[in-house]
Amino acid sequence: MMEKKKILIVSQEMEPYTNLSIISKIARQLPQFVQEKGMEIRVLMPRFGTINERRHRLHEVVRLSGMNIIVDDDDYPLIIKVASLPGARMQVYFLDNDEFFKRKQVFEDLDDKPFEDNADRMIFFCKGVVETVRKFGWPPDIIHCHGWMTSLIPLYIKEAYKNEPLFENSKLVYSAYDNSLESTFGGNFIEKASINNLEPEDLAAYTDGDKITLNHGAIKSSDGIILGSEAMAEPVMDIIAKDDKPVLEFMEPEEGYLNTYLEFYNNLLAEAEV
């Protein structure tokens, strides 16, 4: 019997837990669809303080919790929680930390001002995702990252964890959206993001002069790109045009679009087997 392909979905949003943008809808529909087509799925996302743990029946996974994640030379405990996705035979894993995710807003305060530590929260989440999958001991065939908050994961997998056997055959898919908060990141972002002996030059694609360019960096380190927004910034499209990688053009999340995503996965998996 052929072994099921393993698909890891990492998203900054997902219905019914959050509903901030188109990401929430795609991240809800895609894993269930792919699982029903015979693949093995795991989903990871942040446990934002807006998520009602009692209503959604989150509970801590003690065997996975207890790790510490270093951000800017400080240790932060990583707590892993899990909930069953309503209407699907699937579990969603939540990465939690009181310092970063307890607040009752997601990315901006009550005055619509982005949190000053959004970069730190992203670094914590991206490294936490990789460490959690390592603790799973579960080798994903595809890692599909949705949104700017996941944009360091392709680089971390390809460079910081390049000697990790668990990810040896993993294909990285990055869905780029036009809603990044990178313009609010501080000038020391690259230094903070340089984990596990990465040098600043390893993150060169994440900068353009004085600007932080999260989509650029993720695209450079990914094996396949999906345009999650209809209107992407011209520099992002230029980077995609220069890279010889499979690209799935933007599709409205309507009937039939999930089949196209699945076909994109299958084509990447077929390339890996050649």
Protein backbone atom coordinates (compact mmCIF):
# COMPACT_ATOMS: atom_id res chain seq x y z
CA MET A 1 0.00 0.00 0.00
CA MET A 2 1.38 3.40 -1.00
CA GLU A 3 2.28 5.60 1.97
CA LYS A 4 0.23 8.76 2.32
CA LYS A 5 1.98 12.00 1.44
CA LYS A 6 2.40 14.29 4.43
CA ILE A 7 1.36 17.94 4.07
CA LEU A 8 2.14 20.54 6.71
CA ILE A 9 0.01 23.69 6.55
CA VAL A 10 1.40 26.66 8.48
CA SER A 11 -0.80 29.74 8.61
CA GLN A 12 -1.02 33.00 10.51
CA GLU A 13 -4.82 32.77 10.30
CA MET A 14 -7.55 30.16 10.02
CA GLU A 15 -11.31 30.04 10.35
CA PRO A 16 -13.09 29.59 12.73
CA TYR A 17 -10.31 30.75 15.07
CA THR A 18 -9.53 33.99 13.24
CA ASN A 19 -11.11 35.78 10.33
CA LEU A 20 -8.82 38.63 9.33
CA SER A 21 -8.36 38.13 5.60
CA ILE A 22 -8.63 35.71 2.70
CA ILE A 23 -5.90 33.65 4.36
CA SER A 24 -8.33 32.49 7.05
CA LYS A 25 -10.71 31.01 4.49
CA ILE A 26 -8.08 29.28 2.36
CA ALA A 27 -6.28 27.86 5.40
CA ARG A 28 -9.60 26.42 6.62
CA GLN A 29 -10.73 24.82 3.36
CA LEU A 30 -7.43 23.57 1.92
CA PRO A 31 -6.25 21.10 4.60
CA GLN A 32 -9.62 19.39 4.87
CA PHE A 33 -9.87 19.07 1.09
CA VAL A 34 -6.37 17.66 0.76
CA GLN A 35 -6.94 15.23 3.61
CA GLU A 36 -10.14 13.99 1.99
CA LYS A 37 -8.08 13.33 -1.15
CA GLY A 38 -5.93 10.86 0.75
CA MET A 39 -3.07 12.91 2.17
CA GLU A 40 -1.97 13.16 5.79
CA ILE A 41 -2.34 16.68 7.19
CA ARG A 42 -1.06 18.69 10.12
CA VAL A 43 -1.90 22.35 10.69
CA LEU A 44 0.00 24.85 12.84
CA MET A 45 -0.93 28.45 13.67
CA PRO A 46 -0.39 31.01 16.47
CA ARG A 47 -2.68 30.93 19.51
CA PHE A 48 -3.65 34.60 19.48
CA GLY A 49 -5.40 35.99 22.54
CA THR A 50 -8.52 36.62 20.48
CA ILE A 51 -9.05 32.85 20.24
CA ASN A 52 -11.49 31.65 22.89
CA GLU A 53 -9.93 28.49 24.31
CA ARG A 54 -13.08 27.30 26.05
CA ARG A 55 -15.35 27.79 23.04
CA HIS A 56 -12.92 26.07 20.67
CA ARG A 57 -11.86 23.45 23.23
CA LEU A 58 -8.14 24.03 23.11
CA HIS A 59 -6.00 22.04 25.49
CA GLU A 60 -2.27 21.81 26.06
CA VAL A 61 -0.24 18.98 24.54
CA VAL A 62 2.14 18.38 27.42
CA ARG A 63 4.44 16.01 25.50
CA LEU A 64 5.12 18.76 22.93
CA SER A 65 5.33 21.72 25.29
CA GLY A 66 8.32 22.67 27.41
CA MET A 67 10.71 23.90 24.74
CA ASN A 68 12.30 27.33 24.91
CA ILE A 69 12.69 29.47 21.79
CA ILE A 70 15.46 32.07 21.69
CA VAL A 71 14.62 35.47 20.21
CA ASP A 72 17.22 38.24 20.44
CA ASP A 73 19.17 36.31 23.12
CA ASP A 74 16.10 35.89 25.34
CA ASP A 75 14.40 32.56 26.07
CA TYR A 76 10.65 32.27 25.67
CA PRO A 77 8.71 29.12 26.64
CA LEU A 78 6.76 27.48 23.82
CA ILE A 79 3.40 26.00 24.74
CA ILE A 80 1.63 23.74 22.24
CA LYS A 81 -2.14 23.44 22.31
CA VAL A 82 -4.50 21.49 20.10
CA ALA A 83 -8.16 21.55 19.07
CA SER A 84 -10.35 19.47 16.79
CA LEU A 85 -11.47 21.41 13.75
CA PRO A 86 -15.28 21.62 13.69
CA GLY A 87 -16.80 19.74 10.78
CA ALA A 88 -13.60 17.88 9.94
CA ARG A 89 -11.67 14.91 11.26
CA MET A 90 -8.60 17.02 11.78
CA GLN A 91 -6.64 18.64 14.57
CA VAL A 92 -5.09 22.11 14.60
CA TYR A 93 -1.98 22.79 16.68
CA PHE A 94 -1.53 26.22 18.25
CA LEU A 95 1.81 27.75 19.24
CA ASP A 96 1.43 29.86 22.35
CA ASN A 97 3.47 32.13 24.60
CA ASP A 98 2.13 34.68 27.09
CA GLU A 99 4.65 37.35 26.14
CA PHE A 100 3.72 37.28 22.45
CA PHE A 101 0.17 36.00 22.12
CA LYS A 102 -1.83 36.64 25.29
CA ARG A 103 -2.96 40.16 24.25
CA LYS A 104 -6.52 40.52 22.96
CA GLN A 105 -5.54 41.87 19.56
CA VAL A 106 -3.74 40.12 16.72
CA PHE A 107 -1.23 42.39 14.95
CA GLU A 108 -2.37 45.92 15.91
CA ASP A 109 -3.46 47.66 19.11
CA LEU A 110 -6.83 49.31 19.69
CA ASP A 111 -5.60 52.42 17.86
CA ASP A 112 -4.72 50.33 14.77
CA LYS A 113 -1.01 50.76 15.44
CA PRO A 114 1.10 47.65 14.68
CA PHE A 115 2.70 46.11 17.73
CA GLU A 116 6.35 47.01 18.09
CA ASP A 117 7.27 43.36 18.71
CA ASN A 118 5.57 41.88 15.63
CA ALA A 119 8.99 40.94 14.23
CA ASP A 120 9.89 39.12 17.45
CA ARG A 121 6.53 37.36 17.44
CA MET A 122 7.13 36.21 13.87
CA ILE A 123 10.63 34.90 14.62
CA PHE A 124 9.32 33.05 17.67
CA PHE A 125 6.51 31.52 15.65
CA CYS A 126 8.66 30.47 12.67
CA LYS A 127 11.35 28.86 14.78
CA GLY A 128 8.70 27.32 17.02
CA VAL A 129 7.02 25.72 14.00
CA VAL A 130 10.24 24.03 12.93
CA GLU A 131 11.02 22.81 16.43
CA THR A 132 7.48 21.52 16.90
CA VAL A 133 7.62 19.48 13.70
CA ARG A 134 10.96 18.07 14.82
CA LYS A 135 9.32 17.04 18.06
CA PHE A 136 6.49 15.42 16.08
CA GLY A 137 9.14 13.31 14.35
CA TRP A 138 6.91 13.68 11.30
CA PRO A 139 8.71 14.29 7.95
CA PRO A 140 6.50 16.50 5.74
CA ASP A 141 6.62 16.01 1.98
CA ILE A 142 5.25 19.53 1.50
CA ILE A 143 5.39 22.49 3.87
CA HIS A 144 2.90 25.14 2.76
CA CYS A 145 3.32 28.53 4.44
CA HIS A 146 0.55 31.14 4.33
CA GLY A 147 1.29 34.80 4.97
CA TRP A 148 4.11 37.09 6.09
CA MET A 149 4.22 35.68 9.59
CA THR A 150 5.43 32.37 8.13
CA SER A 151 7.93 33.89 5.71
CA LEU A 152 11.09 32.87 7.57
CA ILE A 153 10.20 29.19 7.57
CA PRO A 154 11.41 28.44 4.00
CA LEU A 155 14.83 29.94 4.81
CA TYR A 156 15.06 28.19 8.16
CA ILE A 157 14.25 24.81 6.60
CA LYS A 158 16.63 25.27 3.66
CA GLU A 159 19.55 26.80 5.59
CA ALA A 160 19.36 26.73 9.39
CA TYR A 161 18.02 23.14 9.42
CA LYS A 162 19.56 21.89 6.17
CA ASN A 163 21.24 18.98 7.98
CA GLU A 164 18.00 17.87 9.65
CA PRO A 165 17.03 14.48 8.09
CA LEU A 166 13.36 15.14 8.83
CA PHE A 167 13.24 17.89 6.17
CA GLU A 168 15.57 16.26 3.66
CA ASN A 169 12.82 15.66 1.11
CA SER A 170 10.45 18.49 2.03
CA LYS A 171 9.20 20.81 -0.71
CA LEU A 172 8.49 24.37 0.40
CA VAL A 173 5.41 26.19 -0.91
CA TYR A 174 4.86 29.83 -0.02
CA SER A 175 1.57 31.66 -0.51
CA ALA A 176 2.34 35.37 -0.85
CA TYR A 177 -0.28 37.91 0.19
CA ASP A 178 -0.29 41.71 -0.02
CA ASN A 179 -0.95 42.42 3.67
CA SER A 180 2.51 42.36 5.26
CA LEU A 181 3.48 44.60 8.18
CA GLU A 182 7.20 44.50 7.32
CA SER A 183 7.38 48.29 6.94
CA THR A 184 7.08 48.58 10.74
CA PHE A 185 9.99 46.23 11.50
CA GLY A 186 13.07 47.68 13.16
CA GLY A 187 16.54 47.91 11.68
CA ASN A 188 17.82 44.99 13.77
CA PHE A 189 15.36 42.49 12.28
CA ILE A 190 17.97 40.62 10.23
CA GLU A 191 20.24 40.22 13.24
CA LYS A 192 17.36 38.84 15.33
CA ALA A 193 16.22 36.47 12.58
CA SER A 194 19.71 35.01 12.09
CA ILE A 195 19.18 31.85 14.14
CA ASN A 196 21.31 28.68 14.35
CA ASN A 197 24.53 30.21 13.06
CA LEU A 198 22.91 31.90 10.07
CA GLU A 199 24.87 34.92 8.91
CA PRO A 200 23.20 38.21 7.92
CA GLU A 201 24.13 37.52 4.29
CA ASP A 202 22.01 34.36 4.44
CA LEU A 203 19.01 36.66 4.89
CA ALA A 204 20.03 39.10 2.16
CA ALA A 205 16.86 38.39 0.16
CA TYR A 206 14.80 39.68 3.08
CA THR A 207 16.13 43.21 2.62
CA ASP A 208 16.27 45.78 -0.17
CA GLY A 209 18.39 48.67 1.01
CA ASP A 210 16.80 49.85 4.24
CA LYS A 211 13.53 48.02 3.56
CA ILE A 212 12.50 44.63 4.89
CA THR A 213 11.14 42.39 2.11
CA LEU A 214 9.57 39.30 3.67
CA ASN A 215 7.88 38.02 0.53
CA HIS A 216 11.12 38.32 -1.43
CA GLY A 217 13.03 36.23 1.08
CA ALA A 218 10.38 33.53 1.32
CA ILE A 219 10.10 33.29 -2.47
CA LYS A 220 13.86 32.86 -2.83
CA SER A 221 13.90 29.91 -0.43
CA SER A 222 10.72 28.17 -1.64
CA ASP A 223 10.22 25.50 -4.30
CA GLY A 224 6.81 26.73 -5.41
CA ILE A 225 4.92 30.02 -5.14
CA ILE A 226 1.19 30.67 -4.90
CA LEU A 227 -0.19 34.17 -5.36
CA GLY A 228 -2.73 34.56 -2.59
CA SER A 229 -3.73 38.11 -3.48
CA GLU A 230 -4.95 39.45 -6.79
CA ALA A 231 -2.80 42.59 -6.67
CA MET A 232 0.77 42.00 -5.57
CA ALA A 233 3.44 44.70 -5.37
CA GLU A 234 5.46 45.07 -8.56
CA PRO A 235 8.82 44.25 -6.88
CA VAL A 236 7.36 40.92 -5.67
CA MET A 237 6.18 40.06 -9.17
CA ASP A 238 9.62 40.98 -10.52
CA ILE A 239 11.29 38.57 -8.09
CA ILE A 240 8.90 35.80 -9.10
CA ALA A 241 9.53 36.47 -12.80
CA LYS A 242 13.29 36.18 -12.30
CA ASP A 243 13.09 32.89 -10.39
CA ASP A 244 12.57 29.73 -12.40
CA LYS A 245 10.04 28.19 -10.03
CA PRO A 246 6.50 26.88 -10.41
CA VAL A 247 3.96 29.64 -9.79
CA LEU A 248 0.23 29.29 -9.26
CA GLU A 249 -1.56 32.48 -10.22
CA PHE A 250 -4.15 34.07 -7.97
CA MET A 251 -7.52 32.35 -7.83
CA GLU A 252 -10.62 33.47 -5.98
CA PRO A 253 -11.49 30.91 -3.28
CA GLU A 254 -14.48 29.63 -5.19
CA GLU A 255 -15.63 26.24 -6.43
CA GLY A 256 -12.84 24.29 -8.08
CA TYR A 257 -9.88 26.27 -6.78
CA LEU A 258 -8.88 23.59 -4.29
CA ASN A 259 -8.42 21.07 -7.09
CA THR A 260 -5.89 23.44 -8.64
CA TYR A 261 -3.98 23.67 -5.34
CA LEU A 262 -3.94 19.88 -5.10
CA GLU A 263 -2.62 19.59 -8.66
CA PHE A 264 0.12 22.08 -7.76
CA TYR A 265 1.11 19.88 -4.82
CA ASN A 266 1.11 16.75 -6.95
CA ASN A 267 3.31 18.33 -9.60
CA LEU A 268 5.89 19.31 -6.96
CA LEU A 269 5.78 15.82 -5.48
CA ALA A 270 6.22 14.28 -8.92
CA GLU A 271 9.30 16.45 -9.53
CA ALA A 272 10.75 15.26 -6.23
CA GLU A 273 10.42 11.65 -7.31
CA VAL A 274 12.15 12.09 -10.67
